PDB file of N, CA and C in Angstrom:
ATOM      1  N   UNK A   1      -6.584  -4.140   5.797  1.00  0.00           N
ATOM      2  CA  UNK A   1      -6.490  -2.988   6.677  1.00  0.00           C
ATOM      3  C   UNK A   1      -5.016  -2.749   7.004  1.00  0.00           C
ATOM      4  N   UNK A   2      -4.609  -1.496   6.980  1.00  0.00           N
ATOM      5  CA  UNK A   2      -3.262  -1.111   7.366  1.00  0.00           C
ATOM      6  C   UNK A   2      -3.326  -0.014   8.413  1.00  0.00           C
ATOM      7  N   UNK A   3      -2.160   0.336   8.946  1.00  0.00           N
ATOM      8  CA  UNK A   3      -2.069   1.368   9.981  1.00  0.00           C
ATOM      9  C   UNK A   3      -1.025   2.404   9.597  1.00  0.00           C
ATOM     10  N   UNK A   4      -1.393   3.674   9.706  1.00  0.00           N
ATOM     11  CA  UNK A   4      -0.444   4.755   9.435  1.00  0.00           C
ATOM     12  C   UNK A   4       0.569   4.793  10.579  1.00  0.00           C
ATOM     13  N   UNK A   5       1.858   4.633  10.238  1.00  0.00           N
ATOM     14  CA  UNK A   5       2.902   4.667  11.263  1.00  0.00           C
ATOM     15  C   UNK A   5       3.780   5.915  11.153  1.00  0.00           C
ATOM     16  N   UNK A   6       3.653   6.625  10.037  1.00  0.00           N
ATOM     17  CA  UNK A   6       4.421   7.864   9.870  1.00  0.00           C
ATOM     18  C   UNK A   6       3.681   8.744   8.864  1.00  0.00           C
ATOM     19  N   UNK A   7       3.635  10.018   9.144  1.00  0.00           N
ATOM     20  CA  UNK A   7       3.044  10.996   8.229  1.00  0.00           C
ATOM     21  C   UNK A   7       3.689  12.334   8.529  1.00  0.00           C
ATOM     22  N   UNK A   8       4.550  12.786   7.615  1.00  0.00           N
ATOM     23  CA  UNK A   8       5.262  14.029   7.871  1.00  0.00           C
ATOM     24  C   UNK A   8       5.556  14.766   6.578  1.00  0.00           C
ATOM     25  N   UNK A   9       5.620  16.091   6.670  1.00  0.00           N
ATOM     26  CA  UNK A   9       5.947  16.880   5.479  1.00  0.00           C
ATOM     27  C   UNK A   9       7.398  16.667   5.073  1.00  0.00           C
ATOM     28  N   UNK A  10       7.618  16.612   3.766  1.00  0.00           N
ATOM     29  CA  UNK A  10       8.960  16.521   3.193  1.00  0.00           C
ATOM     30  C   UNK A  10       8.968  17.490   2.012  1.00  0.00           C
ATOM     31  N   UNK A  11       9.556  18.646   2.220  1.00  0.00           N
ATOM     32  CA  UNK A  11       9.499  19.682   1.192  1.00  0.00           C
ATOM     33  C   UNK A  11       8.055  20.112   0.995  1.00  0.00           C
ATOM     34  N   UNK A  12       7.597  20.099  -0.251  1.00  0.00           N
ATOM     35  CA  UNK A  12       6.208  20.463  -0.543  1.00  0.00           C
ATOM     36  C   UNK A  12       5.273  19.264  -0.477  1.00  0.00           C
ATOM     37  N   UNK A  13       5.821  18.071  -0.330  1.00  0.00           N
ATOM     38  CA  UNK A  13       5.027  16.849  -0.307  1.00  0.00           C
ATOM     39  C   UNK A  13       4.886  16.317   1.116  1.00  0.00           C
ATOM     40  N   UNK A  14       4.246  15.166   1.243  1.00  0.00           N
ATOM     41  CA  UNK A  14       4.098  14.474   2.526  1.00  0.00           C
ATOM     42  C   UNK A  14       4.543  13.038   2.351  1.00  0.00           C
ATOM     43  N   UNK A  15       5.264  12.518   3.348  1.00  0.00           N
ATOM     44  CA  UNK A  15       5.641  11.104   3.350  1.00  0.00           C
ATOM     45  C   UNK A  15       4.640  10.362   4.223  1.00  0.00           C
ATOM     46  N   UNK A  16       3.993   9.362   3.625  1.00  0.00           N
ATOM     47  CA  UNK A  16       3.044   8.502   4.321  1.00  0.00           C
ATOM     48  C   UNK A  16       3.658   7.112   4.413  1.00  0.00           C
ATOM     49  N   UNK A  17       3.713   6.554   5.621  1.00  0.00           N
ATOM     50  CA  UNK A  17       4.184   5.182   5.800  1.00  0.00           C
ATOM     51  C   UNK A  17       3.046   4.391   6.432  1.00  0.00           C
ATOM     52  N   UNK A  18       2.681   3.303   5.761  1.00  0.00           N
ATOM     53  CA  UNK A  18       1.585   2.443   6.209  1.00  0.00           C
ATOM     54  C   UNK A  18       2.130   1.050   6.469  1.00  0.00           C
ATOM     55  N   UNK A  19       1.809   0.505   7.637  1.00  0.00           N
ATOM     56  CA  UNK A  19       2.193  -0.867   7.973  1.00  0.00           C
ATOM     57  C   UNK A  19       1.058  -1.790   7.541  1.00  0.00           C
ATOM     58  N   UNK A  20       1.429  -2.839   6.780  1.00  0.00           N
ATOM     59  CA  UNK A  20       0.434  -3.819   6.349  1.00  0.00           C
ATOM     60  C   UNK A  20       0.858  -5.215   6.772  1.00  0.00           C
ATOM     61  N   UNK A  21      -0.089  -6.119   6.748  1.00  0.00           N
ATOM     62  CA  UNK A  21       0.139  -7.490   7.220  1.00  0.00           C
ATOM     63  C   UNK A  21       0.997  -8.307   6.262  1.00  0.00           C
ATOM     64  N   UNK A  22       1.496  -9.436   6.766  1.00  0.00           N
ATOM     65  CA  UNK A  22       2.282 -10.362   5.945  1.00  0.00           C
ATOM     66  C   UNK A  22       1.483 -10.864   4.755  1.00  0.00           C
ATOM     67  N   UNK A  23       0.180 -11.072   4.953  1.00  0.00           N
ATOM     68  CA  UNK A  23      -0.641 -11.625   3.877  1.00  0.00           C
ATOM     69  C   UNK A  23      -0.720 -10.685   2.673  1.00  0.00           C
ATOM     70  N   UNK A  24      -0.576  -9.396   2.883  1.00  0.00           N
ATOM     71  CA  UNK A  24      -0.574  -8.440   1.768  1.00  0.00           C
ATOM     72  C   UNK A  24       0.824  -8.028   1.351  1.00  0.00           C
ATOM     73  N   UNK A  25       1.788  -8.129   2.257  1.00  0.00           N
ATOM     74  CA  UNK A  25       3.156  -7.661   1.990  1.00  0.00           C
ATOM     75  C   UNK A  25       3.752  -8.325   0.749  1.00  0.00           C
ATOM     76  N   UNK A  26       3.440  -9.557   0.513  1.00  0.00           N
ATOM     77  CA  UNK A  26       4.016 -10.283  -0.625  1.00  0.00           C
ATOM     78  C   UNK A  26       3.617  -9.697  -1.974  1.00  0.00           C
ATOM     79  N   UNK A  27       2.563  -8.898  -2.003  1.00  0.00           N
ATOM     80  CA  UNK A  27       2.075  -8.294  -3.242  1.00  0.00           C
ATOM     81  C   UNK A  27       2.645  -6.909  -3.506  1.00  0.00           C
ATOM     82  N   UNK A  28       3.469  -6.400  -2.620  1.00  0.00           N
ATOM     83  CA  UNK A  28       3.947  -5.021  -2.717  1.00  0.00           C
ATOM     84  C   UNK A  28       5.367  -4.954  -3.250  1.00  0.00           C
ATOM     85  N   UNK A  29       5.589  -3.987  -4.134  1.00  0.00           N
ATOM     86  CA  UNK A  29       6.914  -3.799  -4.721  1.00  0.00           C
ATOM     87  C   UNK A  29       7.160  -2.312  -4.949  1.00  0.00           C
ATOM     88  N   UNK A  30       8.421  -1.929  -4.896  1.00  0.00           N
ATOM     89  CA  UNK A  30       8.810  -0.551  -5.173  1.00  0.00           C
ATOM     90  C   UNK A  30       8.343  -0.178  -6.584  1.00  0.00           C
ATOM     91  N   UNK A  31       7.746   0.995  -6.692  1.00  0.00           N
ATOM     92  CA  UNK A  31       7.184   1.551  -7.927  1.00  0.00           C
ATOM     93  C   UNK A  31       5.901   0.840  -8.361  1.00  0.00           C
ATOM     94  N   UNK A  32       5.413  -0.081  -7.534  1.00  0.00           N
ATOM     95  CA  UNK A  32       4.132  -0.722  -7.794  1.00  0.00           C
ATOM     96  C   UNK A  32       2.999   0.158  -7.305  1.00  0.00           C
ATOM     97  N   UNK A  33       1.791  -0.258  -7.591  1.00  0.00           N
ATOM     98  CA  UNK A  33       0.619   0.495  -7.172  1.00  0.00           C
ATOM     99  C   UNK A  33       0.015  -0.098  -5.915  1.00  0.00           C
ATOM    100  N   UNK A  34      -0.571   0.766  -5.106  1.00  0.00           N
ATOM    101  CA  UNK A  34      -1.314   0.367  -3.914  1.00  0.00           C
ATOM    102  C   UNK A  34      -2.452   1.375  -3.781  1.00  0.00           C
ATOM    103  N   UNK A  35      -3.581   0.924  -3.319  1.00  0.00           N
ATOM    104  CA  UNK A  35      -4.693   1.844  -3.110  1.00  0.00           C
ATOM    105  C   UNK A  35      -4.936   1.966  -1.618  1.00  0.00           C
ATOM    106  N   UNK A  36      -4.906   3.196  -1.132  1.00  0.00           N
ATOM    107  CA  UNK A  36      -5.140   3.494   0.279  1.00  0.00           C
ATOM    108  C   UNK A  36      -6.411   4.338   0.359  1.00  0.00           C
ATOM    109  N   UNK A  37      -7.402   3.823   1.069  1.00  0.00           N
ATOM    110  CA  UNK A  37      -8.686   4.534   1.218  1.00  0.00           C
ATOM    111  C   UNK A  37      -9.230   5.027  -0.133  1.00  0.00           C
ATOM    112  N   UNK A  38      -9.105   4.175  -1.152  1.00  0.00           N
ATOM    113  CA  UNK A  38      -9.663   4.494  -2.458  1.00  0.00           C
ATOM    114  C   UNK A  38      -8.798   5.358  -3.351  1.00  0.00           C
ATOM    115  N   UNK A  39      -7.611   5.742  -2.888  1.00  0.00           N
ATOM    116  CA  UNK A  39      -6.705   6.586  -3.671  1.00  0.00           C
ATOM    117  C   UNK A  39      -5.561   5.717  -4.182  1.00  0.00           C
ATOM    118  N   UNK A  40      -5.411   5.638  -5.496  1.00  0.00           N
ATOM    119  CA  UNK A  40      -4.340   4.845  -6.101  1.00  0.00           C
ATOM    120  C   UNK A  40      -3.024   5.609  -5.991  1.00  0.00           C
ATOM    121  N   UNK A  41      -2.013   4.949  -5.418  1.00  0.00           N
ATOM    122  CA  UNK A  41      -0.734   5.597  -5.121  1.00  0.00           C
ATOM    123  C   UNK A  41       0.427   4.714  -5.577  1.00  0.00           C
ATOM    124  N   UNK A  42       1.598   5.314  -5.701  1.00  0.00           N
ATOM    125  CA  UNK A  42       2.807   4.592  -6.084  1.00  0.00           C
ATOM    126  C   UNK A  42       3.668   4.350  -4.850  1.00  0.00           C
ATOM    127  N   UNK A  43       4.140   3.124  -4.693  1.00  0.00           N
ATOM    128  CA  UNK A  43       4.976   2.745  -3.554  1.00  0.00           C
ATOM    129  C   UNK A  43       6.409   3.210  -3.806  1.00  0.00           C
ATOM    130  N   UNK A  44       6.983   3.949  -2.838  1.00  0.00           N
ATOM    131  CA  UNK A  44       8.378   4.401  -2.949  1.00  0.00           C
ATOM    132  C   UNK A  44       9.351   3.388  -2.380  1.00  0.00           C
ATOM    133  N   UNK A  45       9.046   2.876  -1.179  1.00  0.00           N
ATOM    134  CA  UNK A  45       9.913   1.873  -0.559  1.00  0.00           C
ATOM    135  C   UNK A  45       9.056   0.819   0.131  1.00  0.00           C
ATOM    136  N   UNK A  46       9.625  -0.359   0.283  1.00  0.00           N
ATOM    137  CA  UNK A  46       9.000  -1.460   1.017  1.00  0.00           C
ATOM    138  C   UNK A  46      10.027  -1.952   2.026  1.00  0.00           C
ATOM    139  N   UNK A  47       9.667  -1.913   3.310  1.00  0.00           N
ATOM    140  CA  UNK A  47      10.562  -2.379   4.366  1.00  0.00           C
ATOM    141  C   UNK A  47       9.899  -3.555   5.073  1.00  0.00           C
ATOM    142  N   UNK A  48      10.416  -4.751   4.820  1.00  0.00           N
ATOM    143  CA  UNK A  48       9.856  -5.958   5.433  1.00  0.00           C
ATOM    144  C   UNK A  48      10.259  -6.068   6.898  1.00  0.00           C
ATOM    145  N   UNK A  49       9.368  -6.635   7.712  1.00  0.00           N
ATOM    146  CA  UNK A  49       9.643  -6.924   9.121  1.00  0.00           C
ATOM    147  C   UNK A  49       8.744  -8.075   9.554  1.00  0.00           C
ATOM    148  N   UNK A  50       8.884  -8.504  10.786  1.00  0.00           N
ATOM    149  CA  UNK A  50       8.176  -9.695  11.273  1.00  0.00           C
ATOM    150  C   UNK A  50       6.661  -9.590  11.155  1.00  0.00           C
ATOM    151  N   UNK A  51       6.094  -8.393  11.326  1.00  0.00           N
ATOM    152  CA  UNK A  51       4.641  -8.229  11.288  1.00  0.00           C
ATOM    153  C   UNK A  51       4.086  -8.096   9.872  1.00  0.00           C
ATOM    154  N   UNK A  52       4.932  -7.832   8.898  1.00  0.00           N
ATOM    155  CA  UNK A  52       4.500  -7.618   7.515  1.00  0.00           C
ATOM    156  C   UNK A  52       5.476  -6.718   6.811  1.00  0.00           C
ATOM    157  N   UNK A  53       5.040  -5.499   6.471  1.00  0.00           N
ATOM    158  CA  UNK A  53       5.967  -4.534   5.879  1.00  0.00           C
ATOM    159  C   UNK A  53       5.435  -3.121   6.063  1.00  0.00           C
ATOM    160  N   UNK A  54       6.344  -2.169   5.925  1.00  0.00           N
ATOM    161  CA  UNK A  54       6.003  -0.758   5.921  1.00  0.00           C
ATOM    162  C   UNK A  54       6.155  -0.256   4.493  1.00  0.00           C
ATOM    163  N   UNK A  55       5.121   0.391   3.985  1.00  0.00           N
ATOM    164  CA  UNK A  55       5.139   0.977   2.654  1.00  0.00           C
ATOM    165  C   UNK A  55       5.302   2.483   2.790  1.00  0.00           C
ATOM    166  N   UNK A  56       6.279   3.034   2.114  1.00  0.00           N
ATOM    167  CA  UNK A  56       6.475   4.483   2.109  1.00  0.00           C
ATOM    168  C   UNK A  56       5.925   5.030   0.801  1.00  0.00           C
ATOM    169  N   UNK A  57       5.111   6.071   0.924  1.00  0.00           N
ATOM    170  CA  UNK A  57       4.442   6.667  -0.225  1.00  0.00           C
ATOM    171  C   UNK A  57       4.637   8.177  -0.157  1.00  0.00           C
ATOM    172  N   UNK A  58       4.944   8.792  -1.294  1.00  0.00           N
ATOM    173  CA  UNK A  58       5.078  10.242  -1.376  1.00  0.00           C
ATOM    174  C   UNK A  58       3.742  10.811  -1.856  1.00  0.00           C
ATOM    175  N   UNK A  59       3.151  11.682  -1.043  1.00  0.00           N
ATOM    176  CA  UNK A  59       1.902  12.339  -1.422  1.00  0.00           C
ATOM    177  C   UNK A  59       2.230  13.725  -1.965  1.00  0.00           C
ATOM    178  N   UNK A  60       2.007  13.917  -3.260  1.00  0.00           N
ATOM    179  CA  UNK A  60       2.286  15.218  -3.871  1.00  0.00           C
ATOM    180  C   UNK A  60       1.228  16.230  -3.411  1.00  0.00           C
ATOM    181  N   UNK A  61       1.515  17.521  -3.539  1.00  0.00           N
ATOM    182  CA  UNK A  61       0.574  18.534  -3.064  1.00  0.00           C
ATOM    183  C   UNK A  61      -0.851  18.375  -3.597  1.00  0.00           C
ATOM    184  N   UNK A  62      -1.016  18.020  -4.862  1.00  0.00           N
ATOM    185  CA  UNK A  62      -2.358  17.841  -5.434  1.00  0.00           C
ATOM    186  C   UNK A  62      -3.111  16.720  -4.714  1.00  0.00           C
ATOM    187  N   UNK A  63      -2.451  15.596  -4.495  1.00  0.00           N
ATOM    188  CA  UNK A  63      -3.079  14.470  -3.790  1.00  0.00           C
ATOM    189  C   UNK A  63      -3.426  14.879  -2.364  1.00  0.00           C
ATOM    190  N   UNK A  64      -2.517  15.563  -1.702  1.00  0.00           N
ATOM    191  CA  UNK A  64      -2.742  16.007  -0.322  1.00  0.00           C
ATOM    192  C   UNK A  64      -3.953  16.932  -0.243  1.00  0.00           C
ATOM    193  N   UNK A  65      -4.080  17.829  -1.202  1.00  0.00           N
ATOM    194  CA  UNK A  65      -5.138  18.834  -1.156  1.00  0.00           C
ATOM    195  C   UNK A  65      -6.500  18.297  -1.585  1.00  0.00           C
ATOM    196  N   UNK A  66      -6.538  17.396  -2.558  1.00  0.00           N
ATOM    197  CA  UNK A  66      -7.814  17.015  -3.165  1.00  0.00           C
ATOM    198  C   UNK A  66      -8.295  15.608  -2.829  1.00  0.00           C
ATOM    199  N   UNK A  67      -7.687  14.960  -1.832  1.00  0.00           N
ATOM    200  CA  UNK A  67      -8.164  13.660  -1.360  1.00  0.00           C
ATOM    201  C   UNK A  67      -8.305  13.714   0.152  1.00  0.00           C
ATOM    202  N   UNK A  68      -8.723  12.610   0.719  1.00  0.00           N
ATOM    203  CA  UNK A  68      -8.861  12.539   2.184  1.00  0.00           C
ATOM    204  C   UNK A  68      -7.558  12.152   2.867  1.00  0.00           C
ATOM    205  N   UNK A  69      -6.468  12.066   2.119  1.00  0.00           N
ATOM    206  CA  UNK A  69      -5.179  11.727   2.728  1.00  0.00           C
ATOM    207  C   UNK A  69      -4.804  12.743   3.805  1.00  0.00           C
ATOM    208  N   UNK A  70      -5.229  13.996   3.655  1.00  0.00           N
ATOM    209  CA  UNK A  70      -4.883  15.032   4.627  1.00  0.00           C
ATOM    210  C   UNK A  70      -5.642  14.883   5.949  1.00  0.00           C
ATOM    211  N   UNK A  71      -6.552  13.918   6.042  1.00  0.00           N
ATOM    212  CA  UNK A  71      -7.271  13.648   7.288  1.00  0.00           C
ATOM    213  C   UNK A  71      -6.592  12.563   8.130  1.00  0.00           C
ATOM    214  N   UNK A  72      -5.600  11.887   7.547  1.00  0.00           N
ATOM    215  CA  UNK A  72      -4.930  10.790   8.248  1.00  0.00           C
ATOM    216  C   UNK A  72      -4.051  11.307   9.373  1.00  0.00           C
ATOM    217  N   UNK A  73      -3.857  10.440  10.352  1.00  0.00           N
ATOM    218  CA  UNK A  73      -2.982  10.728  11.492  1.00  0.00           C
ATOM    219  C   UNK A  73      -2.225   9.441  11.836  1.00  0.00           C
ATOM    220  N   UNK A  74      -1.149   9.561  12.592  1.00  0.00           N
ATOM    221  CA  UNK A  74      -0.431   8.382  13.077  1.00  0.00           C
ATOM    222  C   UNK A  74      -1.444   7.521  13.842  1.00  0.00           C
ATOM    223  N   UNK A  75      -1.477   6.240  13.523  1.00  0.00           N
ATOM    224  CA  UNK A  75      -2.406   5.321  14.166  1.00  0.00           C
ATOM    225  C   UNK A  75      -3.711   5.132  13.412  1.00  0.00           C
ATOM    226  N   UNK A  76      -3.974   5.977  12.393  1.00  0.00           N
ATOM    227  CA  UNK A  76      -5.196   5.808  11.594  1.00  0.00           C
ATOM    228  C   UNK A  76      -5.191   4.447  10.917  1.00  0.00           C
ATOM    229  N   UNK A  77      -6.334   3.796  10.919  1.00  0.00           N
ATOM    230  CA  UNK A  77      -6.490   2.536  10.187  1.00  0.00           C
ATOM    231  C   UNK A  77      -7.018   2.884   8.802  1.00  0.00           C
ATOM    232  N   UNK A  78      -6.433   2.263   7.785  1.00  0.00           N
ATOM    233  CA  UNK A  78      -6.786   2.575   6.398  1.00  0.00           C
ATOM    234  C   UNK A  78      -7.128   1.299   5.634  1.00  0.00           C
ATOM    235  N   UNK A  79      -7.985   1.456   4.644  1.00  0.00           N
ATOM    236  CA  UNK A  79      -8.307   0.349   3.749  1.00  0.00           C
ATOM    237  C   UNK A  79      -7.183   0.231   2.715  1.00  0.00           C
ATOM    238  N   UNK A  80      -6.708  -0.986   2.496  1.00  0.00           N
ATOM    239  CA  UNK A  80      -5.609  -1.235   1.559  1.00  0.00           C
ATOM    240  C   UNK A  80      -6.083  -2.203   0.489  1.00  0.00           C
ATOM    241  N   UNK A  81      -5.868  -1.833  -0.768  1.00  0.00           N
ATOM    242  CA  UNK A  81      -6.155  -2.725  -1.889  1.00  0.00           C
ATOM    243  C   UNK A  81      -4.867  -2.934  -2.663  1.00  0.00           C
ATOM    244  N   UNK A  82      -4.555  -4.202  -2.921  1.00  0.00           N
ATOM    245  CA  UNK A  82      -3.311  -4.520  -3.626  1.00  0.00           C
ATOM    246  C   UNK A  82      -3.474  -4.340  -5.127  1.00  0.00           C
ATOM    247  N   UNK A  83      -2.368  -4.269  -5.797  1.00  0.00           N
ATOM    248  CA  UNK A  83      -2.312  -4.072  -7.235  1.00  0.00           C
ATOM    249  C   UNK A  83      -2.985  -5.226  -7.973  1.00  0.00           C
ATOM    250  N   UNK A  84      -3.786  -4.906  -8.964  1.00  0.00           N
ATOM    251  CA  UNK A  84      -4.504  -5.913  -9.741  1.00  0.00           C
ATOM    252  C   UNK A  84      -3.557  -6.865 -10.467  1.00  0.00           C
ATOM    253  N   UNK A  85      -2.432  -6.353 -10.949  1.00  0.00           N
ATOM    254  CA  UNK A  85      -1.477  -7.209 -11.667  1.00  0.00           C
ATOM    255  C   UNK A  85      -0.945  -8.297 -10.742  1.00  0.00           C
ATOM    256  N   UNK A  86      -0.695  -7.972  -9.482  1.00  0.00           N
ATOM    257  CA  UNK A  86      -0.224  -8.975  -8.524  1.00  0.00           C
ATOM    258  C   UNK A  86      -1.259 -10.084  -8.365  1.00  0.00           C
ATOM    259  N   UNK A  87      -2.530  -9.724  -8.383  1.00  0.00           N
ATOM    260  CA  UNK A  87      -3.595 -10.734  -8.280  1.00  0.00           C
ATOM    261  C   UNK A  87      -3.607 -11.645  -9.499  1.00  0.00           C
ATOM    262  N   UNK A  88      -3.415 -11.057 -10.691  1.00  0.00           N
ATOM    263  CA  UNK A  88      -3.365 -11.861 -11.914  1.00  0.00           C
ATOM    264  C   UNK A  88      -2.188 -12.834 -11.894  1.00  0.00           C
ATOM    265  N   UNK A  89      -1.031 -12.351 -11.477  1.00  0.00           N
ATOM    266  CA  UNK A  89       0.157 -13.211 -11.418  1.00  0.00           C
ATOM    267  C   UNK A  89      -0.089 -14.378 -10.455  1.00  0.00           C
ATOM    268  N   UNK A  90      -0.635 -14.084  -9.277  1.00  0.00           N
ATOM    269  CA  UNK A  90      -0.918 -15.157  -8.329  1.00  0.00           C
ATOM    270  C   UNK A  90      -1.898 -16.164  -8.913  1.00  0.00           C
ATOM    271  N   UNK A  91      -2.923 -15.680  -9.570  1.00  0.00           N
ATOM    272  CA  UNK A  91      -3.926 -16.561 -10.170  1.00  0.00           C
ATOM    273  C   UNK A  91      -3.294 -17.424 -11.254  1.00  0.00           C
ATOM    274  N   UNK A  92      -2.464 -16.835 -12.096  1.00  0.00           N
ATOM    275  CA  UNK A  92      -1.819 -17.589 -13.167  1.00  0.00           C
ATOM    276  C   UNK A  92      -0.915 -18.675 -12.588  1.00  0.00           C
ATOM    277  N   UNK A  93      -0.178 -18.363 -11.554  1.00  0.00           N
ATOM    278  CA  UNK A  93       0.710 -19.344 -10.940  1.00  0.00           C
ATOM    279  C   UNK A  93      -0.077 -20.461 -10.256  1.00  0.00           C
ATOM    280  N   UNK A  94      -1.188 -20.118  -9.620  1.00  0.00           N
ATOM    281  CA  UNK A  94      -1.959 -21.146  -8.920  1.00  0.00           C
ATOM    282  C   UNK A  94      -2.651 -22.087  -9.891  1.00  0.00           C
ATOM    283  N   UNK A  95      -3.088 -21.603 -11.036  1.00  0.00           N
ATOM    284  CA  UNK A  95      -3.779 -22.482 -11.986  1.00  0.00           C
ATOM    285  C   UNK A  95      -2.797 -23.352 -12.754  1.00  0.00           C
ATOM    286  N   UNK A  96      -1.564 -22.878 -12.973  1.00  0.00           N
ATOM    287  CA  UNK A  96      -0.590 -23.712 -13.665  1.00  0.00           C
ATOM    288  C   UNK A  96      -0.083 -24.826 -12.764  1.00  0.00           C
ATOM    289  N   UNK A  97      -0.293 -24.663 -11.453  1.00  0.00           N
ATOM    290  CA  UNK A  97       0.123 -25.681 -10.513  1.00  0.00           C
ATOM    291  C   UNK A  97      -1.055 -26.543 -10.065  1.00  0.00           C
ATOM    292  N   UNK A  98      -2.198 -26.381 -10.736  1.00  0.00           N
ATOM    293  CA  UNK A  98      -3.355 -27.217 -10.447  1.00  0.00           C
ATOM    294  C   UNK A  98      -4.176 -26.782  -9.245  1.00  0.00           C
ATOM    295  N   UNK A  99      -3.910 -25.581  -8.733  1.00  0.00           N
ATOM    296  CA  UNK A  99      -4.642 -25.101  -7.565  1.00  0.00           C
ATOM    297  C   UNK A  99      -5.872 -24.310  -7.948  1.00  0.00           C
ATOM    298  N   UNK A 100      -6.637 -23.920  -6.949  1.00  0.00           N
ATOM    299  CA  UNK A 100      -7.761 -23.031  -7.164  1.00  0.00           C
ATOM    300  C   UNK A 100      -7.632 -21.859  -6.218  1.00  0.00           C
ATOM    301  N   UNK A 101      -8.395 -20.804  -6.496  1.00  0.00           N
ATOM    302  CA  UNK A 101      -8.239 -19.592  -5.698  1.00  0.00           C
ATOM    303  C   UNK A 101      -9.582 -18.909  -5.564  1.00  0.00           C
ATOM    304  N   UNK A 102      -9.788 -18.316  -4.404  1.00  0.00           N
ATOM    305  CA  UNK A 102     -10.956 -17.459  -4.217  1.00  0.00           C
ATOM    306  C   UNK A 102     -10.497 -16.185  -3.531  1.00  0.00           C
ATOM    307  N   UNK A 103     -11.150 -15.095  -3.843  1.00  0.00           N
ATOM    308  CA  UNK A 103     -10.769 -13.802  -3.255  1.00  0.00           C
ATOM    309  C   UNK A 103     -11.794 -13.344  -2.273  1.00  0.00           C
TER     310      UNK A 103
END
């Protein structure tokens, strides 16, 4: 779960900033993928802080018009799914070190 901390128009697009927890922040990278409320999006910036990180995402007009992103408001809680590749990398590293993992 994440929280919308900023949502404002920028030209023809919208800038969405979502704060996520430390447990998910480690999986986020600039130009990586993140899914917010079922919509797969590209991360523009990642700003780390004590609570986790803020992800900045550019919502193009098509995404704004044809998804539920236009229903979000500051303070909205959103479902966050991390990039599948990050999960594979973590799994590969944990098994090479003799660990096990459950999701």
